[in-house]
Amino acid sequence: MSLPITGYAVFVYFKNVNRCHAPHFPDIESAEEFANDLRAMSDCEVAEPIAITPTTKKELQIADLM
């Protein structure tokens, strides 16, 4: 079973404060644009966009709606 890509994450490591963040984007184009802009404008470590896919498929039950 192949599940669809639901978005993209770009891992960003801020060396000066020793923190990592992973903003999410709906499509690869906006994720790549963000990553490239951040690389050009800062000294952060920026990863290539990573696809996000679900690991399991959950069947919606009527009990879940109540």
N, C-alpha and C. Protein backbone atom coordinates (compact mmCIF):
# COMPACT_ATOMS: atom_id res chain seq x y z
N MET A 1 0.85 -1.17 0.00
CA MET A 1 0.00 0.00 0.00
C MET A 1 0.90 1.24 0.00
N SER A 2 0.72 2.09 -0.98
CA SER A 2 1.49 3.32 -1.08
C SER A 2 0.62 4.50 -0.67
N LEU A 3 1.04 5.19 0.38
CA LEU A 3 0.27 6.34 0.85
C LEU A 3 0.82 7.62 0.22
N PRO A 4 -0.04 8.63 0.03
CA PRO A 4 0.39 9.85 -0.67
C PRO A 4 1.28 10.75 0.19
N ILE A 5 2.04 11.58 -0.47
CA ILE A 5 2.82 12.60 0.24
C ILE A 5 1.84 13.68 0.68
N THR A 6 1.87 14.03 1.96
CA THR A 6 0.93 15.02 2.49
C THR A 6 1.56 16.39 2.69
N GLY A 7 2.85 16.50 2.55
CA GLY A 7 3.53 17.79 2.71
C GLY A 7 5.03 17.58 2.72
N TYR A 8 5.75 18.67 3.02
CA TYR A 8 7.21 18.62 3.05
C TYR A 8 7.70 19.39 4.27
N ALA A 9 8.78 18.91 4.88
CA ALA A 9 9.39 19.59 6.01
C ALA A 9 10.81 19.99 5.63
N VAL A 10 11.24 21.12 6.18
CA VAL A 10 12.61 21.59 5.99
C VAL A 10 13.23 21.71 7.38
N PHE A 11 14.21 20.89 7.68
CA PHE A 11 14.86 20.94 8.99
C PHE A 11 15.89 22.07 8.99
N VAL A 12 15.79 22.92 10.02
CA VAL A 12 16.67 24.07 10.15
C VAL A 12 17.34 24.03 11.52
N TYR A 13 18.67 24.09 11.53
CA TYR A 13 19.42 24.08 12.79
C TYR A 13 20.06 25.46 12.98
N PHE A 14 19.70 26.10 14.10
CA PHE A 14 20.25 27.41 14.45
C PHE A 14 21.44 27.19 15.37
N LYS A 15 22.65 27.33 14.82
CA LYS A 15 23.88 27.03 15.55
C LYS A 15 24.07 27.92 16.78
N ASN A 16 23.75 29.19 16.65
CA ASN A 16 24.00 30.14 17.74
C ASN A 16 23.21 29.84 19.01
N VAL A 17 22.04 29.29 18.87
CA VAL A 17 21.19 29.02 20.04
C VAL A 17 20.97 27.52 20.27
N ASN A 18 21.60 26.68 19.44
CA ASN A 18 21.52 25.23 19.56
C ASN A 18 20.07 24.73 19.55
N ARG A 19 19.32 25.19 18.56
CA ARG A 19 17.91 24.80 18.42
C ARG A 19 17.65 24.34 17.00
N CYS A 20 16.66 23.46 16.87
CA CYS A 20 16.27 22.95 15.57
C CYS A 20 14.77 23.15 15.39
N HIS A 21 14.37 23.52 14.19
CA HIS A 21 12.96 23.70 13.85
C HIS A 21 12.69 22.99 12.52
N ALA A 22 11.44 22.62 12.31
CA ALA A 22 11.07 21.92 11.07
C ALA A 22 9.74 22.46 10.55
N PRO A 23 9.77 23.61 9.87
CA PRO A 23 8.52 24.12 9.30
C PRO A 23 8.01 23.19 8.19
N HIS A 24 6.69 23.13 8.06
CA HIS A 24 6.04 22.26 7.08
C HIS A 24 5.45 23.09 5.95
N PHE A 25 5.44 22.51 4.75
CA PHE A 25 4.94 23.19 3.56
C PHE A 25 4.04 22.25 2.79
N PRO A 26 3.04 22.79 2.09
CA PRO A 26 2.09 21.93 1.36
C PRO A 26 2.64 21.36 0.06
N ASP A 27 3.68 22.02 -0.52
CA ASP A 27 4.20 21.52 -1.80
C ASP A 27 5.72 21.69 -1.84
N ILE A 28 6.35 20.97 -2.75
CA ILE A 28 7.81 20.94 -2.84
C ILE A 28 8.36 22.29 -3.29
N GLU A 29 7.65 23.00 -4.14
CA GLU A 29 8.15 24.29 -4.62
C GLU A 29 8.31 25.30 -3.50
N SER A 30 7.30 25.42 -2.64
CA SER A 30 7.41 26.38 -1.54
C SER A 30 8.45 25.94 -0.51
N ALA A 31 8.60 24.65 -0.31
CA ALA A 31 9.62 24.15 0.62
C ALA A 31 11.03 24.44 0.09
N GLU A 32 11.26 24.22 -1.19
CA GLU A 32 12.57 24.49 -1.79
C GLU A 32 12.87 25.99 -1.80
N GLU A 33 11.87 26.79 -2.09
CA GLU A 33 12.06 28.25 -2.09
C GLU A 33 12.43 28.75 -0.70
N PHE A 34 11.74 28.25 0.32
CA PHE A 34 12.06 28.63 1.70
C PHE A 34 13.48 28.22 2.06
N ALA A 35 13.85 26.98 1.76
CA ALA A 35 15.18 26.47 2.10
C ALA A 35 16.27 27.28 1.41
N ASN A 36 16.10 27.56 0.13
CA ASN A 36 17.10 28.33 -0.62
C ASN A 36 17.21 29.76 -0.10
N ASP A 37 16.08 30.39 0.19
CA ASP A 37 16.10 31.75 0.73
C ASP A 37 16.80 31.80 2.08
N LEU A 38 16.51 30.83 2.94
CA LEU A 38 17.12 30.82 4.27
C LEU A 38 18.62 30.58 4.18
N ARG A 39 19.04 29.71 3.27
CA ARG A 39 20.49 29.48 3.08
C ARG A 39 21.19 30.76 2.64
N ALA A 40 20.54 31.52 1.77
CA ALA A 40 21.15 32.74 1.24
C ALA A 40 21.19 33.87 2.27
N MET A 41 20.25 33.87 3.21
CA MET A 41 20.12 35.01 4.11
C MET A 41 20.60 34.75 5.54
N SER A 42 21.07 33.55 5.85
CA SER A 42 21.46 33.26 7.23
C SER A 42 22.64 32.29 7.26
N ASP A 43 23.12 32.03 8.46
CA ASP A 43 24.20 31.05 8.62
C ASP A 43 23.69 29.76 9.25
N CYS A 44 22.40 29.52 9.13
CA CYS A 44 21.79 28.29 9.66
C CYS A 44 22.15 27.09 8.79
N GLU A 45 22.09 25.92 9.39
CA GLU A 45 22.21 24.67 8.63
C GLU A 45 20.80 24.32 8.15
N VAL A 46 20.62 24.21 6.85
CA VAL A 46 19.29 23.98 6.27
C VAL A 46 19.32 22.71 5.43
N ALA A 47 18.44 21.78 5.74
CA ALA A 47 18.36 20.52 4.99
C ALA A 47 17.53 20.69 3.72
N GLU A 48 17.66 19.75 2.82
CA GLU A 48 16.78 19.70 1.65
C GLU A 48 15.38 19.32 2.14
N PRO A 49 14.33 19.75 1.43
CA PRO A 49 12.98 19.37 1.84
C PRO A 49 12.81 17.85 1.90
N ILE A 50 12.09 17.41 2.91
CA ILE A 50 11.85 15.98 3.14
C ILE A 50 10.35 15.72 3.02
N ALA A 51 9.97 14.73 2.22
CA ALA A 51 8.56 14.40 2.03
C ALA A 51 7.98 13.79 3.31
N ILE A 52 6.75 14.18 3.61
CA ILE A 52 6.03 13.63 4.77
C ILE A 52 4.93 12.73 4.24
N THR A 53 4.95 11.49 4.69
CA THR A 53 3.91 10.54 4.31
C THR A 53 3.36 9.87 5.55
N PRO A 54 2.07 9.57 5.57
CA PRO A 54 1.53 8.82 6.70
C PRO A 54 2.13 7.41 6.72
N THR A 55 2.16 6.82 7.89
CA THR A 55 2.70 5.46 7.99
C THR A 55 1.60 4.41 8.03
N THR A 56 0.40 4.82 8.39
CA THR A 56 -0.74 3.90 8.39
C THR A 56 -1.97 4.63 7.88
N LYS A 57 -2.91 3.86 7.41
CA LYS A 57 -4.17 4.43 6.95
C LYS A 57 -5.24 4.11 7.99
N LYS A 58 -5.89 5.15 8.50
CA LYS A 58 -6.91 4.96 9.53
C LYS A 58 -8.28 5.05 8.89
N GLU A 59 -9.09 4.07 9.15
CA GLU A 59 -10.47 4.08 8.66
C GLU A 59 -11.30 4.90 9.64
N LEU A 60 -12.04 5.86 9.11
CA LEU A 60 -12.88 6.71 9.93
C LEU A 60 -14.10 5.91 10.40
N GLN A 61 -14.31 5.91 11.69
CA GLN A 61 -15.45 5.22 12.29
C GLN A 61 -16.47 6.26 12.76
N ILE A 62 -17.73 5.88 12.80
CA ILE A 62 -18.77 6.80 13.28
C ILE A 62 -18.48 7.20 14.72
N ALA A 63 -17.94 6.33 15.52
CA ALA A 63 -17.61 6.64 16.90
C ALA A 63 -16.57 7.76 16.99
N ASP A 64 -15.72 7.88 15.99
CA ASP A 64 -14.70 8.94 15.98
C ASP A 64 -15.31 10.32 15.80
N LEU A 65 -16.49 10.39 15.22
CA LEU A 65 -17.15 11.66 14.94
C LEU A 65 -17.90 12.20 16.14
N MET A 66 -18.15 11.37 17.13
CA MET A 66 -18.95 11.81 18.29
C MET A 66 -18.11 12.18 19.47
